[in-house]
Amino acid sequence: MKKVYGSAAEALEGTLFDGMFIAAGGFGLCGIPELLLNAIRDAGTKDLTFASNNAGVDDFGIGILLQTRQVKKMISSYVGENKEFMRQYLGDELELEFNPQGTLAERMRAGGCGIPGFYTKTGVGTVIAEGKEHKDFPTGPDGQPETYILERGIVADLAIVKAWKADDTGNLVFRKTARNFNPPAAMCGKICIAEVEEIVPRGSLDPDAIHLPGIYVHRIVQGEHEKRIEQRTTRAA
């Protein structure tokens, strides 16, 4: 089965529709699928729900789709660094479902593993727990009951991720902290498209160094990427 496509637009062909649910990898500006996000903007697909740690910045990452009003809802952990994200949220123009970062990552991983839900202590007693099932388990000292909340696994219509290297079967290697949310995001998509910096010959990747096996990846596109620094701190020489 062909997995390598010539451009982000070609890789997305036949996968986009209004009102769809997309899981996106990345953390801040690190490891974000910028080529695919640009192609989604150009396609004009609207009423999108995104599961992503955050929305990039105003003019980069998911932020470009907020500017064009293509996003209806964000399932995220962090709102900062993006003035348009904050403006739309505070102005009741954008739905926002807050998730602790570890919970969001596990929701994606669980969905990719066929796990419909899991219990966690994170968020108990906060706004995060409102409307969710609570259950006590004897996990405290001396078997005392402690309260957990039920979180649901995420299954998205499409997953878009960014990797460092891939072979033509879709095996992926991520570079350092750019791995972040990318593996769990890739796992939870019914279709997963990965953009990569380099496609290497089949068999050239060390099997023990592969971070995500190609069984999760359906389409690949290679391209040039802009590596921005979100917050630059300098000192006098």
Protein backbone atom coordinates (compact mmCIF):
# COMPACT_ATOMS: atom_id res chain seq x y z
CA MET A 1 0.00 0.00 0.00
CA LYS A 2 1.35 3.41 -0.96
CA LYS A 3 2.14 5.56 2.06
CA VAL A 4 4.45 8.26 0.67
CA TYR A 5 2.78 11.34 -0.86
CA GLY A 6 4.26 14.28 -2.72
CA SER A 7 2.76 17.09 -0.65
CA ALA A 8 0.71 17.75 2.45
CA ALA A 9 -2.33 18.57 0.30
CA GLU A 10 -2.02 15.24 -1.52
CA ALA A 11 -1.63 13.36 1.76
CA LEU A 12 -4.81 14.96 3.12
CA GLU A 13 -6.87 14.29 0.01
CA GLY A 14 -10.08 12.42 0.84
CA THR A 15 -9.64 12.71 4.62
CA LEU A 16 -11.08 16.15 5.36
CA PHE A 17 -14.71 17.05 6.04
CA ASP A 18 -16.49 19.82 7.94
CA GLY A 19 -17.10 19.10 11.61
CA MET A 20 -14.35 16.49 11.89
CA PHE A 21 -12.25 15.66 14.96
CA ILE A 22 -8.46 15.97 14.56
CA ALA A 23 -5.72 14.95 17.03
CA ALA A 24 -2.51 16.93 16.53
CA GLY A 25 0.93 16.26 17.92
CA GLY A 26 3.32 18.89 19.23
CA PHE A 27 4.03 20.89 22.35
CA GLY A 28 4.18 24.65 21.99
CA LEU A 29 6.02 25.07 18.69
CA CYS A 30 8.08 21.89 19.15
CA GLY A 31 7.21 18.98 16.88
CA ILE A 32 4.06 20.49 15.38
CA PRO A 33 2.76 19.26 11.98
CA GLU A 34 3.00 22.70 10.38
CA LEU A 35 2.80 21.55 6.74
CA LEU A 36 -0.41 19.63 7.34
CA LEU A 37 -1.93 22.48 9.35
CA ASN A 38 -1.17 24.89 6.50
CA ALA A 39 -2.81 22.50 4.05
CA ILE A 40 -5.92 22.20 6.23
CA ARG A 41 -6.15 25.99 6.30
CA ASP A 42 -5.85 26.14 2.53
CA ALA A 43 -8.54 23.44 2.16
CA GLY A 44 -10.98 25.62 4.09
CA THR A 45 -12.34 22.76 6.20
CA LYS A 46 -14.40 24.26 9.04
CA ASP A 47 -16.14 23.50 12.36
CA LEU A 48 -13.11 21.49 13.44
CA THR A 49 -12.49 19.99 16.87
CA PHE A 50 -8.82 19.67 17.78
CA ALA A 51 -7.26 17.61 20.54
CA SER A 52 -3.84 19.16 21.07
CA ASN A 53 -1.78 20.28 24.05
CA ASN A 54 -2.14 23.89 22.92
CA ALA A 55 -2.77 25.90 19.75
CA GLY A 56 0.69 27.13 18.88
CA VAL A 57 0.98 30.91 18.62
CA ASP A 58 -1.09 33.48 16.75
CA ASP A 59 0.57 33.01 13.37
CA PHE A 60 1.90 29.47 13.58
CA GLY A 61 0.54 26.01 14.34
CA ILE A 62 -3.17 25.59 15.05
CA GLY A 63 -3.20 29.35 15.66
CA ILE A 64 -3.50 29.93 11.90
CA LEU A 65 -6.76 27.97 11.89
CA LEU A 66 -8.11 30.04 14.77
CA GLN A 67 -7.39 33.16 12.76
CA THR A 68 -9.46 31.83 9.85
CA ARG A 69 -12.25 30.68 12.23
CA GLN A 70 -12.01 27.05 11.11
CA VAL A 71 -11.86 25.68 14.67
CA LYS A 72 -15.05 25.15 16.69
CA LYS A 73 -13.60 23.43 19.76
CA MET A 74 -10.23 22.80 21.40
CA ILE A 75 -9.45 19.93 23.76
CA SER A 76 -6.28 21.29 25.32
CA SER A 77 -4.10 21.74 28.38
CA TYR A 78 -2.74 25.24 27.79
CA VAL A 79 -4.23 28.45 26.42
CA GLY A 80 -1.30 30.86 26.88
CA GLU A 81 1.05 32.27 24.18
CA ASN A 82 -1.86 32.65 21.76
CA LYS A 83 -3.79 35.91 22.06
CA GLU A 84 -6.43 34.89 19.53
CA PHE A 85 -7.02 31.61 21.37
CA MET A 86 -7.52 33.51 24.64
CA ARG A 87 -9.70 36.16 22.98
CA GLN A 88 -12.03 33.64 21.36
CA TYR A 89 -12.30 31.58 24.55
CA LEU A 90 -12.98 34.56 26.82
CA GLY A 91 -15.45 35.91 24.26
CA ASP A 92 -17.43 32.64 24.17
CA GLU A 93 -16.55 32.23 20.48
CA LEU A 94 -14.66 28.95 20.96
CA GLU A 95 -15.51 25.84 22.96
CA LEU A 96 -12.70 24.68 25.22
CA GLU A 97 -12.39 21.42 27.13
CA PHE A 98 -9.50 21.68 29.57
CA ASN A 99 -7.44 18.53 30.18
CA PRO A 100 -4.37 18.10 32.39
CA GLN A 101 -1.43 17.29 30.12
CA GLY A 102 -0.92 13.77 31.42
CA THR A 103 -4.64 13.06 31.19
CA LEU A 104 -4.78 14.31 27.59
CA ALA A 105 -1.80 12.18 26.57
CA GLU A 106 -3.29 9.11 28.24
CA ARG A 107 -6.72 9.74 26.66
CA MET A 108 -5.04 9.66 23.24
CA ARG A 109 -2.96 6.58 24.08
CA ALA A 110 -5.97 4.78 25.52
CA GLY A 111 -8.06 5.48 22.42
CA GLY A 112 -5.28 4.11 20.24
CA CYS A 113 -5.09 0.95 22.35
CA GLY A 114 -8.83 0.29 22.28
CA ILE A 115 -9.31 1.30 25.93
CA PRO A 116 -12.62 3.20 26.26
CA GLY A 117 -11.82 4.84 29.60
CA PHE A 118 -9.62 4.91 32.69
CA TYR A 119 -9.70 6.25 36.23
CA THR A 120 -7.30 8.94 37.49
CA LYS A 121 -6.91 11.08 40.60
CA THR A 122 -5.82 14.06 38.53
CA GLY A 123 -8.50 16.73 38.59
CA VAL A 124 -10.53 15.38 41.51
CA GLY A 125 -12.11 18.26 43.39
CA THR A 126 -11.60 20.74 40.53
CA VAL A 127 -13.62 21.99 37.57
CA ILE A 128 -12.00 19.18 35.55
CA ALA A 129 -14.08 16.63 37.48
CA GLU A 130 -17.46 18.28 36.93
CA GLY A 131 -19.95 15.96 35.25
CA LYS A 132 -17.60 12.96 35.31
CA GLU A 133 -18.13 9.65 37.07
CA HIS A 134 -16.44 9.42 40.47
CA LYS A 135 -15.40 6.15 42.05
CA ASP A 136 -13.60 5.25 45.28
CA PHE A 137 -10.79 2.70 45.28
CA PRO A 138 -8.92 1.40 48.39
CA THR A 139 -5.56 2.79 47.29
CA GLY A 140 -4.74 5.09 50.22
CA PRO A 141 -2.63 4.29 53.29
CA ASP A 142 -3.89 1.17 55.06
CA GLY A 143 -6.36 0.56 52.25
CA GLN A 144 -8.32 3.74 52.79
CA PRO A 145 -10.60 4.66 49.86
CA GLU A 146 -9.50 7.45 47.54
CA THR A 147 -11.62 9.13 44.88
CA TYR A 148 -10.85 8.83 41.17
CA ILE A 149 -12.62 10.22 38.12
CA LEU A 150 -13.37 8.46 34.85
CA GLU A 151 -11.73 9.87 31.74
CA ARG A 152 -12.68 8.71 28.24
CA GLY A 153 -10.26 7.53 25.58
CA ILE A 154 -9.98 9.70 22.47
CA VAL A 155 -10.56 8.35 18.97
CA ALA A 156 -10.15 11.03 16.31
CA ASP A 157 -11.20 11.05 12.66
CA LEU A 158 -7.66 12.10 11.72
CA ALA A 159 -4.29 12.33 13.46
CA ILE A 160 -1.59 14.68 12.16
CA VAL A 161 1.93 14.40 13.56
CA LYS A 162 5.50 15.53 12.92
CA ALA A 163 8.50 13.16 13.02
CA TRP A 164 12.20 13.38 12.29
CA LYS A 165 12.67 10.28 10.14
CA ALA A 166 10.48 7.63 8.54
CA ASP A 167 10.88 4.72 6.20
CA ASP A 168 8.37 4.06 3.44
CA THR A 169 6.37 1.67 5.65
CA GLY A 170 5.65 4.45 8.16
CA ASN A 171 8.00 3.52 10.99
CA LEU A 172 8.76 6.82 12.76
CA VAL A 173 11.66 8.23 14.75
CA PHE A 174 11.18 11.49 16.65
CA ARG A 175 14.01 13.83 17.63
CA LYS A 176 14.47 14.49 21.35
CA THR A 177 11.66 16.58 22.93
CA ALA A 178 9.87 16.88 19.58
CA ARG A 179 8.47 13.43 20.38
CA ASN A 180 6.15 14.93 23.07
CA PHE A 181 2.45 14.35 22.20
CA ASN A 182 3.15 12.94 18.74
CA PRO A 183 3.12 9.17 19.45
CA PRO A 184 -0.17 9.13 21.43
CA ALA A 185 -1.78 11.53 18.95
CA ALA A 186 -0.76 9.27 16.06
CA MET A 187 -2.18 6.22 17.79
CA CYS A 188 -5.67 7.61 18.33
CA GLY A 189 -6.48 8.63 14.75
CA LYS A 190 -8.60 6.45 12.48
CA ILE A 191 -6.23 7.78 9.79
CA CYS A 192 -2.76 9.03 10.72
CA ILE A 193 -0.69 11.30 8.49
CA ALA A 194 2.92 12.03 9.43
CA GLU A 195 5.08 14.78 8.02
CA VAL A 196 8.79 14.10 8.33
CA GLU A 197 12.12 15.75 7.68
CA GLU A 198 13.61 12.70 5.97
CA ILE A 199 12.42 9.44 4.44
CA VAL A 200 15.12 6.79 4.67
CA PRO A 201 15.43 3.42 2.89
CA ARG A 202 13.43 0.51 4.26
CA GLY A 203 15.52 -1.49 6.72
CA SER A 204 17.91 1.36 7.56
CA LEU A 205 16.22 2.23 10.87
CA ASP A 206 17.39 0.31 13.92
CA PRO A 207 14.28 -1.62 15.06
CA ASP A 208 15.12 -0.81 18.69
CA ALA A 209 15.24 2.93 17.86
CA ILE A 210 11.78 3.16 16.26
CA HIS A 211 9.47 5.22 18.46
CA LEU A 212 6.21 4.48 16.62
CA PRO A 213 5.68 1.45 14.39
CA GLY A 214 4.30 1.93 10.89
CA ILE A 215 1.11 0.02 11.71
CA TYR A 216 -0.23 3.30 13.14
CA VAL A 217 0.80 5.46 10.16
CA HIS A 218 -1.21 5.51 6.94
CA ARG A 219 0.34 8.37 4.97
CA ILE A 220 3.70 10.17 4.97
CA VAL A 221 4.91 13.42 3.45
CA GLN A 222 8.43 14.81 3.48
CA GLY A 223 9.09 18.55 3.55
CA GLU A 224 11.06 21.50 4.81
CA HIS A 225 10.19 22.72 8.29
CA GLU A 226 10.61 26.01 10.11
CA LYS A 227 12.05 25.55 13.60
CA ARG A 228 10.96 28.55 15.62
CA ILE A 229 11.90 29.38 19.19
CA GLU A 230 8.77 30.20 21.17
CA GLN A 231 10.46 32.22 23.92
CA ARG A 232 13.98 33.49 23.23
CA THR A 233 16.00 34.54 26.29
CA THR A 234 19.38 36.20 25.82
CA ARG A 235 21.99 37.87 27.97
CA ALA A 236 24.57 40.54 27.32
CA ALA A 237 27.91 39.26 26.04
